[in-house]
């Protein structure tokens, strides 16, 4: 019922001023304003009384939406990059199962073969990360207008992405190489 009275009292009244209020004062002000405007009709009335937090939130809503969408798509791109890296490197290591079997048949230790496969994969990933970081560093200038209290070249963000992609690449090299190293060399050579 109070909401209905407030709506009737506030209808058609021009906005006079904006005052910074906390939530309790806001509700009290709305009640007093509605009562005085309905009963007296003589005192100036306020409408659309909001706190500064509400005004600031409303003014930043578009930028907030843009950043949420941008962050969501960036997270999705990071996930797709991690899946792609894993798939490509795992496929490349799996293609070398025959080579791994020959190395093991000739007396190489499993740890040496794993070290070789992981080392070669990580060299490729290191080159890719250098190229990717260089491109990202150059393109962050486009994001300058959308960032608040964060530098476009935030070292923590770059380090997090590098660590995540490096960990994915390390797993992508290690898991298929370990699986290939567990296969009996005679069986692997016969299947080829």
N, C-alpha and C. Protein backbone atom coordinates (compact mmCIF):
# COMPACT_ATOMS: atom_id res chain seq x y z
N UNK A 1 0.83 -1.18 0.00
CA UNK A 1 0.00 0.00 0.00
C UNK A 1 0.87 1.25 0.00
N UNK A 2 1.96 1.19 0.77
CA UNK A 2 2.87 2.33 0.82
C UNK A 2 3.47 2.59 -0.55
N UNK A 3 3.78 1.52 -1.28
CA UNK A 3 4.34 1.69 -2.62
C UNK A 3 3.35 2.39 -3.54
N UNK A 4 2.08 2.03 -3.43
CA UNK A 4 1.05 2.68 -4.24
C UNK A 4 0.92 4.16 -3.91
N UNK A 5 0.94 4.48 -2.60
CA UNK A 5 0.87 5.89 -2.19
C UNK A 5 2.10 6.66 -2.69
N UNK A 6 3.26 6.01 -2.58
CA UNK A 6 4.48 6.66 -3.06
C UNK A 6 4.40 6.94 -4.55
N UNK A 7 3.90 5.95 -5.29
CA UNK A 7 3.80 6.13 -6.74
C UNK A 7 2.84 7.27 -7.07
N UNK A 8 1.70 7.34 -6.37
CA UNK A 8 0.76 8.44 -6.61
C UNK A 8 1.35 9.78 -6.22
N UNK A 9 2.04 9.79 -5.08
CA UNK A 9 2.60 11.04 -4.60
C UNK A 9 3.72 11.54 -5.50
N UNK A 10 4.48 10.64 -6.07
CA UNK A 10 5.64 11.04 -6.86
C UNK A 10 5.31 11.28 -8.33
N UNK A 11 4.14 10.92 -8.76
CA UNK A 11 3.76 11.04 -10.16
C UNK A 11 3.64 12.50 -10.57
N UNK A 12 4.35 12.87 -11.59
CA UNK A 12 4.23 14.21 -12.16
C UNK A 12 4.96 15.30 -11.42
N UNK A 13 5.73 14.99 -10.41
CA UNK A 13 6.46 16.01 -9.65
C UNK A 13 7.83 16.18 -10.27
N UNK A 14 8.24 17.40 -10.59
CA UNK A 14 9.57 17.58 -11.20
C UNK A 14 10.68 17.30 -10.21
N UNK A 15 11.80 16.89 -10.75
CA UNK A 15 12.97 16.60 -9.92
C UNK A 15 13.59 17.91 -9.47
N UNK A 16 13.85 18.05 -8.17
CA UNK A 16 14.40 19.28 -7.66
C UNK A 16 15.90 19.18 -7.38
N UNK A 17 16.32 18.10 -6.77
CA UNK A 17 17.73 18.01 -6.38
C UNK A 17 18.12 16.55 -6.18
N UNK A 18 19.40 16.32 -6.07
CA UNK A 18 19.91 15.00 -5.73
C UNK A 18 20.71 15.14 -4.45
N UNK A 19 20.47 14.24 -3.53
CA UNK A 19 21.13 14.28 -2.24
C UNK A 19 21.74 12.91 -2.00
N UNK A 20 22.94 12.88 -1.43
CA UNK A 20 23.57 11.61 -1.10
C UNK A 20 22.97 11.09 0.19
N UNK A 21 22.40 9.90 0.14
CA UNK A 21 21.73 9.31 1.29
C UNK A 21 22.13 7.86 1.45
N UNK A 22 22.07 7.37 2.67
CA UNK A 22 22.23 5.93 2.83
C UNK A 22 20.86 5.27 2.74
N UNK A 23 20.78 3.95 2.79
CA UNK A 23 19.52 3.25 2.52
C UNK A 23 18.42 3.60 3.51
N UNK A 24 18.73 3.68 4.80
CA UNK A 24 17.71 4.00 5.79
C UNK A 24 17.15 5.39 5.59
N UNK A 25 18.02 6.35 5.34
CA UNK A 25 17.57 7.73 5.11
C UNK A 25 16.77 7.80 3.83
N UNK A 26 17.12 7.01 2.82
CA UNK A 26 16.39 7.00 1.56
C UNK A 26 14.94 6.57 1.78
N UNK A 27 14.71 5.49 2.51
CA UNK A 27 13.35 5.03 2.76
C UNK A 27 12.57 6.05 3.57
N UNK A 28 13.20 6.63 4.59
CA UNK A 28 12.55 7.65 5.41
C UNK A 28 12.19 8.87 4.55
N UNK A 29 13.11 9.29 3.69
CA UNK A 29 12.87 10.46 2.83
C UNK A 29 11.71 10.21 1.88
N UNK A 30 11.65 9.01 1.31
CA UNK A 30 10.54 8.69 0.41
C UNK A 30 9.20 8.75 1.15
N UNK A 31 9.16 8.21 2.37
CA UNK A 31 7.92 8.22 3.14
C UNK A 31 7.49 9.63 3.50
N UNK A 32 8.42 10.43 4.01
CA UNK A 32 8.10 11.81 4.39
C UNK A 32 7.71 12.62 3.15
N UNK A 33 8.42 12.44 2.06
CA UNK A 33 8.12 13.19 0.83
C UNK A 33 6.73 12.87 0.33
N UNK A 34 6.37 11.59 0.34
CA UNK A 34 5.04 11.20 -0.12
C UNK A 34 3.96 11.78 0.78
N UNK A 35 4.20 11.70 2.08
CA UNK A 35 3.19 12.20 3.02
C UNK A 35 3.02 13.71 2.89
N UNK A 36 4.11 14.46 2.83
CA UNK A 36 3.99 15.91 2.74
C UNK A 36 3.41 16.36 1.42
N UNK A 37 3.77 15.66 0.33
CA UNK A 37 3.24 16.10 -0.96
C UNK A 37 1.76 15.78 -1.10
N UNK A 38 1.30 14.69 -0.50
CA UNK A 38 -0.11 14.33 -0.58
C UNK A 38 -0.92 15.21 0.35
N UNK A 39 -0.43 15.37 1.58
CA UNK A 39 -1.21 16.08 2.58
C UNK A 39 -1.16 17.60 2.42
N UNK A 40 -0.01 18.12 2.28
CA UNK A 40 0.12 19.58 2.26
C UNK A 40 0.06 20.16 0.86
N UNK A 41 0.78 19.56 -0.03
CA UNK A 41 0.84 20.09 -1.38
C UNK A 41 1.59 21.40 -1.46
N UNK A 42 2.12 21.87 -0.34
CA UNK A 42 2.80 23.16 -0.31
C UNK A 42 4.31 23.02 -0.34
N UNK A 43 4.81 21.96 0.25
CA UNK A 43 6.25 21.80 0.35
C UNK A 43 6.81 21.20 -0.94
N UNK A 44 8.03 21.53 -1.31
CA UNK A 44 8.63 20.92 -2.49
C UNK A 44 8.81 19.42 -2.27
N UNK A 45 8.61 18.67 -3.31
CA UNK A 45 8.71 17.21 -3.20
C UNK A 45 9.89 16.71 -4.02
N UNK A 46 10.40 15.59 -3.62
CA UNK A 46 11.49 14.93 -4.33
C UNK A 46 10.92 13.68 -4.99
N UNK A 47 11.49 13.33 -6.12
CA UNK A 47 11.15 12.05 -6.73
C UNK A 47 12.42 11.42 -7.24
N UNK A 48 12.35 10.15 -7.43
CA UNK A 48 13.50 9.36 -7.87
C UNK A 48 14.69 9.59 -6.96
N UNK A 49 14.44 9.53 -5.66
CA UNK A 49 15.52 9.68 -4.69
C UNK A 49 16.31 8.37 -4.69
N UNK A 50 17.62 8.47 -4.91
CA UNK A 50 18.50 7.31 -4.96
C UNK A 50 19.77 7.61 -4.21
N UNK A 51 20.43 6.55 -3.79
CA UNK A 51 21.73 6.74 -3.14
C UNK A 51 22.78 6.98 -4.22
N UNK A 52 23.94 7.47 -3.80
CA UNK A 52 25.02 7.70 -4.75
C UNK A 52 25.50 6.37 -5.34
N UNK A 53 25.46 5.31 -4.53
CA UNK A 53 25.85 4.00 -5.05
C UNK A 53 24.93 3.57 -6.18
N UNK A 54 23.62 3.84 -6.02
CA UNK A 54 22.69 3.49 -7.09
C UNK A 54 22.94 4.33 -8.33
N UNK A 55 23.19 5.61 -8.16
CA UNK A 55 23.46 6.48 -9.32
C UNK A 55 24.74 6.06 -10.03
N UNK A 56 25.77 5.77 -9.26
CA UNK A 56 27.04 5.33 -9.85
C UNK A 56 26.88 3.98 -10.55
N UNK A 57 26.16 3.06 -9.92
CA UNK A 57 25.92 1.75 -10.55
C UNK A 57 25.16 1.88 -11.86
N UNK A 58 24.17 2.76 -11.88
CA UNK A 58 23.40 2.96 -13.11
C UNK A 58 24.26 3.58 -14.21
N UNK A 59 25.11 4.51 -13.84
CA UNK A 59 25.93 5.18 -14.86
C UNK A 59 27.02 4.26 -15.42
N UNK A 60 27.44 3.27 -14.63
CA UNK A 60 28.50 2.35 -15.09
C UNK A 60 27.96 1.03 -15.62
N UNK A 61 26.65 0.89 -15.72
CA UNK A 61 26.04 -0.39 -16.13
C UNK A 61 26.51 -0.83 -17.51
N UNK A 62 26.60 0.09 -18.45
CA UNK A 62 27.00 -0.28 -19.81
C UNK A 62 28.45 -0.77 -19.85
N UNK A 63 29.32 -0.06 -19.16
CA UNK A 63 30.73 -0.49 -19.14
C UNK A 63 30.89 -1.81 -18.41
N UNK A 64 30.11 -1.98 -17.32
CA UNK A 64 30.18 -3.23 -16.58
C UNK A 64 29.75 -4.40 -17.47
N UNK A 65 28.68 -4.23 -18.23
CA UNK A 65 28.22 -5.27 -19.13
C UNK A 65 29.28 -5.58 -20.19
N UNK A 66 29.88 -4.53 -20.74
CA UNK A 66 30.93 -4.72 -21.75
C UNK A 66 32.09 -5.52 -21.17
N UNK A 67 32.51 -5.20 -19.95
CA UNK A 67 33.64 -5.90 -19.35
C UNK A 67 33.28 -7.33 -18.97
N UNK A 68 32.05 -7.56 -18.53
CA UNK A 68 31.65 -8.93 -18.21
C UNK A 68 31.64 -9.78 -19.48
N UNK A 69 31.11 -9.24 -20.56
CA UNK A 69 31.11 -9.98 -21.83
C UNK A 69 32.53 -10.22 -22.33
N UNK A 70 33.36 -9.18 -22.25
CA UNK A 70 34.75 -9.31 -22.70
C UNK A 70 35.49 -10.34 -21.86
N UNK A 71 35.27 -10.33 -20.56
CA UNK A 71 35.93 -11.31 -19.68
C UNK A 71 35.44 -12.72 -19.97
N UNK A 72 34.14 -12.86 -20.21
CA UNK A 72 33.59 -14.18 -20.52
C UNK A 72 34.19 -14.74 -21.81
N UNK A 73 34.24 -13.90 -22.84
CA UNK A 73 34.81 -14.37 -24.10
C UNK A 73 36.31 -14.61 -23.98
N UNK A 74 37.01 -13.83 -23.17
CA UNK A 74 38.44 -14.07 -22.95
C UNK A 74 38.66 -15.39 -22.24
N UNK A 75 37.83 -15.69 -21.24
CA UNK A 75 37.93 -16.97 -20.55
C UNK A 75 37.64 -18.13 -21.48
N UNK A 76 36.64 -17.97 -22.34
CA UNK A 76 36.33 -19.01 -23.32
C UNK A 76 37.47 -19.20 -24.31
N UNK A 77 38.08 -18.09 -24.73
CA UNK A 77 39.23 -18.18 -25.65
C UNK A 77 40.40 -18.88 -24.98
N UNK A 78 40.62 -18.61 -23.70
CA UNK A 78 41.70 -19.27 -22.97
C UNK A 78 41.43 -20.77 -22.86
N UNK A 79 40.19 -21.14 -22.59
CA UNK A 79 39.83 -22.55 -22.52
C UNK A 79 40.03 -23.23 -23.87
N UNK A 80 39.59 -22.59 -24.94
CA UNK A 80 39.77 -23.16 -26.27
C UNK A 80 41.25 -23.28 -26.63
N UNK A 81 42.05 -22.28 -26.24
CA UNK A 81 43.49 -22.35 -26.49
C UNK A 81 44.10 -23.53 -25.74
N UNK A 82 43.68 -23.73 -24.50
CA UNK A 82 44.22 -24.84 -23.71
C UNK A 82 43.84 -26.18 -24.34
N UNK A 83 42.59 -26.31 -24.77
CA UNK A 83 42.14 -27.55 -25.40
C UNK A 83 42.88 -27.77 -26.72
N UNK A 84 43.05 -26.71 -27.50
CA UNK A 84 43.76 -26.82 -28.78
C UNK A 84 45.21 -27.20 -28.60
N UNK A 85 45.87 -26.57 -27.65
CA UNK A 85 47.27 -26.91 -27.39
C UNK A 85 47.39 -28.37 -26.98
N UNK A 86 46.52 -28.80 -26.08
CA UNK A 86 46.58 -30.20 -25.64
C UNK A 86 46.36 -31.15 -26.82
N UNK A 87 45.36 -30.86 -27.63
CA UNK A 87 45.06 -31.74 -28.76
C UNK A 87 46.19 -31.84 -29.76
N UNK A 88 46.76 -30.71 -30.13
CA UNK A 88 47.81 -30.70 -31.15
C UNK A 88 49.08 -31.39 -30.65
N UNK A 89 49.49 -31.06 -29.44
CA UNK A 89 50.74 -31.64 -28.93
C UNK A 89 50.54 -33.13 -28.63
N UNK A 90 49.39 -33.50 -28.08
CA UNK A 90 49.15 -34.92 -27.81
C UNK A 90 49.14 -35.72 -29.12
N UNK A 91 48.55 -35.16 -30.15
CA UNK A 91 48.53 -35.84 -31.44
C UNK A 91 49.95 -36.00 -31.99
N UNK A 92 50.76 -34.94 -31.87
CA UNK A 92 52.14 -35.00 -32.38
C UNK A 92 52.96 -36.04 -31.63
N UNK A 93 52.76 -36.14 -30.33
CA UNK A 93 53.51 -37.14 -29.56
C UNK A 93 53.02 -38.54 -29.90
N UNK A 94 51.69 -38.70 -30.06
CA UNK A 94 51.15 -40.00 -30.42
C UNK A 94 51.66 -40.47 -31.78
N UNK A 95 51.91 -39.55 -32.69
CA UNK A 95 52.43 -39.91 -34.00
C UNK A 95 53.84 -40.47 -33.90
N UNK A 96 54.51 -40.18 -32.81
CA UNK A 96 55.89 -40.64 -32.64
C UNK A 96 55.99 -41.92 -31.81
N UNK A 97 54.87 -42.63 -31.66
CA UNK A 97 54.87 -43.88 -30.89
C UNK A 97 55.86 -44.89 -31.47
N UNK A 98 55.94 -44.95 -32.78
CA UNK A 98 56.87 -45.86 -33.44
C UNK A 98 58.32 -45.51 -33.06
N UNK A 99 58.62 -44.22 -33.10
CA UNK A 99 59.98 -43.77 -32.73
C UNK A 99 60.27 -44.09 -31.27
N UNK A 100 59.29 -43.87 -30.41
CA UNK A 100 59.48 -44.16 -28.99
C UNK A 100 59.74 -45.65 -28.80
N UNK A 101 59.00 -46.48 -29.53
CA UNK A 101 59.20 -47.93 -29.42
C UNK A 101 60.60 -48.34 -29.88
N UNK A 102 61.07 -47.74 -30.96
CA UNK A 102 62.44 -48.05 -31.44
C UNK A 102 63.47 -47.63 -30.41
N UNK A 103 63.30 -46.45 -29.85
CA UNK A 103 64.26 -45.97 -28.83
C UNK A 103 64.29 -46.93 -27.63
N UNK A 104 63.11 -47.36 -27.19
CA UNK A 104 63.05 -48.27 -26.05
C UNK A 104 63.63 -49.64 -26.41
N UNK A 105 63.39 -50.10 -27.64
CA UNK A 105 63.93 -51.40 -28.07
C UNK A 105 65.45 -51.38 -28.15
N UNK A 106 66.00 -50.21 -28.46
CA UNK A 106 67.46 -50.10 -28.55
C UNK A 106 68.13 -49.83 -27.21
N UNK A 107 67.32 -49.77 -26.14
CA UNK A 107 67.90 -49.68 -24.80
C UNK A 107 67.77 -48.34 -24.10
N UNK A 108 67.05 -47.41 -24.66
CA UNK A 108 66.86 -46.14 -23.96
C UNK A 108 65.99 -46.35 -22.72
N UNK A 109 66.24 -45.54 -21.74
CA UNK A 109 65.42 -45.58 -20.52
C UNK A 109 64.13 -44.81 -20.76
N UNK A 110 63.08 -45.22 -20.08
CA UNK A 110 61.78 -44.55 -20.21
C UNK A 110 61.90 -43.07 -19.81
N UNK A 111 62.67 -42.80 -18.77
CA UNK A 111 62.82 -41.40 -18.31
C UNK A 111 63.52 -40.55 -19.38
N UNK A 112 64.48 -41.14 -20.10
CA UNK A 112 65.17 -40.40 -21.16
C UNK A 112 64.23 -40.09 -22.31
N UNK A 113 63.39 -41.04 -22.67
CA UNK A 113 62.44 -40.82 -23.76
C UNK A 113 61.41 -39.77 -23.35
N UNK A 114 60.92 -39.86 -22.13
CA UNK A 114 59.96 -38.86 -21.65
C UNK A 114 60.58 -37.47 -21.63
N UNK A 115 61.82 -37.39 -21.17
CA UNK A 115 62.51 -36.10 -21.12
C UNK A 115 62.68 -35.51 -22.52
N UNK A 116 62.99 -36.37 -23.49
CA UNK A 116 63.14 -35.92 -24.87
C UNK A 116 61.82 -35.39 -25.43
N UNK A 117 60.74 -36.14 -25.24
CA UNK A 117 59.44 -35.73 -25.78
C UNK A 117 58.95 -34.44 -25.12
N UNK A 118 59.05 -34.36 -23.82
CA UNK A 118 58.60 -33.17 -23.10
C UNK A 118 59.48 -31.98 -23.47
N UNK A 119 60.78 -32.17 -23.57
CA UNK A 119 61.69 -31.08 -23.93
C UNK A 119 61.40 -30.51 -25.31
N UNK A 120 61.18 -31.40 -26.27
CA UNK A 120 60.87 -30.91 -27.63
C UNK A 120 59.53 -30.18 -27.67
N UNK A 121 58.56 -30.70 -26.95
CA UNK A 121 57.26 -30.04 -26.91
C UNK A 121 57.33 -28.68 -26.23
N UNK A 122 58.11 -28.60 -25.18
CA UNK A 122 58.22 -27.33 -24.44
C UNK A 122 59.00 -26.28 -25.23
N UNK A 123 59.92 -26.68 -26.07
CA UNK A 123 60.60 -25.71 -26.94
C UNK A 123 59.59 -25.06 -27.88
N UNK A 124 58.72 -25.87 -28.45
CA UNK A 124 57.68 -25.35 -29.33
C UNK A 124 56.73 -24.42 -28.57
N UNK A 125 56.37 -24.81 -27.37
CA UNK A 125 55.47 -23.98 -26.56
C UNK A 125 56.15 -22.68 -26.15
N UNK A 126 57.43 -22.72 -25.83
CA UNK A 126 58.14 -21.50 -25.45
C UNK A 126 58.13 -20.49 -26.60
N UNK A 127 58.39 -20.95 -27.80
CA UNK A 127 58.33 -20.08 -28.97
C UNK A 127 56.92 -19.52 -29.17
N UNK A 128 55.92 -20.38 -29.03
CA UNK A 128 54.53 -19.94 -29.18
C UNK A 128 54.14 -18.92 -28.13
N UNK A 129 54.58 -19.13 -26.90
CA UNK A 129 54.26 -18.19 -25.83
C UNK A 129 54.93 -16.84 -26.06
N UNK A 130 56.14 -16.84 -26.55
CA UNK A 130 56.82 -15.57 -26.83
C UNK A 130 56.07 -14.80 -27.91
N UNK A 131 55.68 -15.48 -28.97
CA UNK A 131 54.92 -14.82 -30.03
C UNK A 131 53.55 -14.34 -29.53
N UNK A 132 52.87 -15.19 -28.76
CA UNK A 132 51.56 -14.82 -28.24
C UNK A 132 51.62 -13.66 -27.27
N UNK A 133 52.60 -13.66 -26.38
CA UNK A 133 52.75 -12.55 -25.43
C UNK A 133 53.10 -11.25 -26.14
N UNK A 134 53.91 -11.33 -27.16
CA UNK A 134 54.25 -10.12 -27.92
C UNK A 134 53.01 -9.54 -28.58
N UNK A 135 52.21 -10.39 -29.19
CA UNK A 135 50.97 -9.93 -29.81
C UNK A 135 49.99 -9.37 -28.80
N UNK A 136 49.84 -10.05 -27.67
CA UNK A 136 48.92 -9.58 -26.63
C UNK A 136 49.39 -8.25 -26.04
N UNK A 137 50.68 -8.12 -25.83
CA UNK A 137 51.24 -6.87 -25.29
C UNK A 137 50.95 -5.71 -26.24
N UNK A 138 51.08 -5.96 -27.53
CA UNK A 138 50.84 -4.90 -28.51
C UNK A 138 49.35 -4.54 -28.61
N UNK A 139 48.48 -5.52 -28.46
CA UNK A 139 47.04 -5.27 -28.63
C UNK A 139 46.35 -4.75 -27.37
N UNK A 140 47.02 -4.76 -26.23
CA UNK A 140 46.36 -4.30 -25.00
C UNK A 140 46.10 -2.80 -25.02
N UNK A 141 46.72 -2.09 -25.89
CA UNK A 141 46.47 -0.64 -25.99
C UNK A 141 45.01 -0.36 -26.35
N UNK A 142 44.37 -1.31 -27.02
CA UNK A 142 42.97 -1.14 -27.40
C UNK A 142 42.04 -1.21 -26.19
N UNK A 143 42.49 -1.82 -25.09
CA UNK A 143 41.66 -2.00 -23.91
C UNK A 143 41.80 -0.89 -22.89
N UNK A 144 42.64 0.07 -23.12
CA UNK A 144 42.95 1.09 -22.12
C UNK A 144 41.71 1.81 -21.62
N UNK A 145 40.76 2.13 -22.47
CA UNK A 145 39.57 2.89 -22.07
C UNK A 145 38.62 2.06 -21.22
N UNK A 146 38.71 0.75 -21.27
CA UNK A 146 37.78 -0.10 -20.54
C UNK A 146 38.29 -0.51 -19.16
N UNK A 147 39.53 -0.22 -18.83
CA UNK A 147 40.12 -0.70 -17.59
C UNK A 147 40.15 0.39 -16.53
N UNK A 148 39.79 0.01 -15.30
CA UNK A 148 39.85 0.92 -14.15
C UNK A 148 40.77 0.31 -13.12
N UNK A 149 41.74 1.06 -12.68
CA UNK A 149 42.71 0.65 -11.65
C UNK A 149 43.47 -0.62 -12.03
N UNK A 150 43.57 -0.91 -13.31
CA UNK A 150 44.36 -2.04 -13.80
C UNK A 150 45.14 -1.55 -15.02
N UNK A 151 46.40 -1.85 -15.05
CA UNK A 151 47.22 -1.47 -16.19
C UNK A 151 46.91 -2.42 -17.35
N UNK A 152 46.93 -1.94 -18.58
CA UNK A 152 46.67 -2.83 -19.72
C UNK A 152 47.69 -3.96 -19.83
N UNK A 153 48.88 -3.72 -19.37
CA UNK A 153 49.92 -4.74 -19.41
C UNK A 153 50.14 -5.28 -18.00
N UNK A 154 49.08 -5.77 -17.38
CA UNK A 154 49.12 -6.29 -16.02
C UNK A 154 49.97 -7.55 -15.98
N UNK A 155 51.06 -7.49 -15.26
CA UNK A 155 52.02 -8.61 -15.22
C UNK A 155 51.40 -9.86 -14.60
N UNK A 156 50.52 -9.69 -13.62
CA UNK A 156 49.90 -10.84 -12.96
C UNK A 156 49.01 -11.62 -13.94
N UNK A 157 48.28 -10.90 -14.76
CA UNK A 157 47.41 -11.55 -15.75
C UNK A 157 48.25 -12.31 -16.78
N UNK A 158 49.27 -11.65 -17.29
CA UNK A 158 50.14 -12.30 -18.27
C UNK A 158 50.81 -13.53 -17.67
N UNK A 159 51.28 -13.42 -16.43
CA UNK A 159 51.94 -14.56 -15.77
C UNK A 159 50.96 -15.71 -15.56
N UNK A 160 49.73 -15.40 -15.18
CA UNK A 160 48.72 -16.44 -14.99
C UNK A 160 48.42 -17.19 -16.27
N UNK A 161 48.29 -16.46 -17.36
CA UNK A 161 48.01 -17.10 -18.65
C UNK A 161 49.20 -17.96 -19.08
N UNK A 162 50.40 -17.45 -18.91
CA UNK A 162 51.60 -18.22 -19.28
C UNK A 162 51.69 -19.50 -18.45
N UNK A 163 51.45 -19.40 -17.15
CA UNK A 163 51.52 -20.59 -16.30
C UNK A 163 50.45 -21.62 -16.67
N UNK A 164 49.24 -21.16 -16.93
CA UNK A 164 48.17 -22.08 -17.30
C UNK A 164 48.48 -22.79 -18.61
N UNK A 165 48.86 -22.04 -19.63
CA UNK A 165 49.13 -22.66 -20.93
C UNK A 165 50.38 -23.55 -20.88
N UNK A 166 51.36 -23.18 -20.08
CA UNK A 166 52.55 -24.01 -19.94
C UNK A 166 52.21 -25.33 -19.25
N UNK A 167 51.36 -25.26 -18.22
CA UNK A 167 50.94 -26.48 -17.52
C UNK A 167 50.16 -27.40 -18.45
N UNK A 168 49.26 -26.82 -19.25
CA UNK A 168 48.49 -27.63 -20.21
C UNK A 168 49.44 -28.27 -21.22
N UNK A 169 50.39 -27.51 -21.72
CA UNK A 169 51.33 -28.05 -22.71
C UNK A 169 52.21 -29.14 -22.10
N UNK A 170 52.61 -28.95 -20.86
CA UNK A 170 53.43 -29.96 -20.18
C UNK A 170 52.65 -31.27 -20.05
N UNK A 171 51.38 -31.17 -19.65
CA UNK A 171 50.55 -32.37 -19.58
C UNK A 171 50.34 -32.99 -20.95
N UNK A 172 50.17 -32.13 -21.95
CA UNK A 172 49.94 -32.63 -23.32
C UNK A 172 51.16 -33.37 -23.84
N UNK A 173 52.33 -32.98 -23.41
CA UNK A 173 53.54 -33.69 -23.83
C UNK A 173 53.76 -34.96 -23.01
N UNK A 174 53.55 -34.84 -21.72
CA UNK A 174 53.91 -35.93 -20.81
C UNK A 174 52.96 -37.12 -20.89
N UNK A 175 51.65 -36.86 -20.86
CA UNK A 175 50.69 -37.97 -20.79
C UNK A 175 50.76 -38.90 -22.01
N UNK A 176 50.72 -38.38 -23.24
CA UNK A 176 50.83 -39.31 -24.38
C UNK A 176 52.21 -39.99 -24.47
N UNK A 177 53.27 -39.28 -24.11
CA UNK A 177 54.60 -39.88 -24.15
C UNK A 177 54.71 -41.01 -23.12
N UNK A 178 54.14 -40.80 -21.95
CA UNK A 178 54.16 -41.85 -20.92
C UNK A 178 53.34 -43.06 -21.38
N UNK A 179 52.18 -42.78 -21.99
CA UNK A 179 51.34 -43.86 -22.51
C UNK A 179 52.08 -44.64 -23.60
N UNK A 180 52.77 -43.92 -24.49
CA UNK A 180 53.51 -44.59 -25.57
C UNK A 180 54.71 -45.36 -25.02
N UNK A 181 55.32 -44.85 -23.94
CA UNK A 181 56.48 -45.52 -23.37
C UNK A 181 56.09 -46.80 -22.64
N UNK A 182 54.84 -46.91 -22.21
CA UNK A 182 54.39 -48.11 -21.51
C UNK A 182 54.06 -49.26 -22.46
N UNK A 183 53.90 -48.94 -23.75
CA UNK A 183 53.58 -49.97 -24.73
C UNK A 183 54.83 -50.83 -24.95
N UNK A 184 54.60 -52.11 -25.07
CA UNK A 184 55.70 -53.02 -25.35
C UNK A 184 56.29 -52.68 -26.72
N UNK A 185 57.61 -52.46 -26.83
CA UNK A 185 58.20 -52.08 -28.11
C UNK A 185 57.89 -53.06 -29.23
N UNK A 186 57.84 -54.35 -28.94
CA UNK A 186 57.55 -55.33 -30.00
C UNK A 186 56.13 -55.17 -30.55
N UNK A 187 55.18 -54.89 -29.66
CA UNK A 187 53.80 -54.71 -30.09
C UNK A 187 53.67 -53.44 -30.92
N UNK A 188 54.32 -52.36 -30.47
CA UNK A 188 54.26 -51.08 -31.20
C UNK A 188 54.91 -51.22 -32.56
N UNK A 189 56.02 -51.94 -32.66
CA UNK A 189 56.68 -52.10 -33.96
C UNK A 189 55.90 -53.02 -34.89
N UNK A 190 55.24 -54.03 -34.32
CA UNK A 190 54.43 -54.92 -35.16
C UNK A 190 53.21 -54.20 -35.72
N UNK A 191 52.61 -53.30 -34.94
CA UNK A 191 51.41 -52.58 -35.38
C UNK A 191 51.71 -51.57 -36.48
N UNK A 192 52.93 -51.12 -36.55
CA UNK A 192 53.29 -50.12 -37.56
C UNK A 192 53.57 -50.86 -38.80
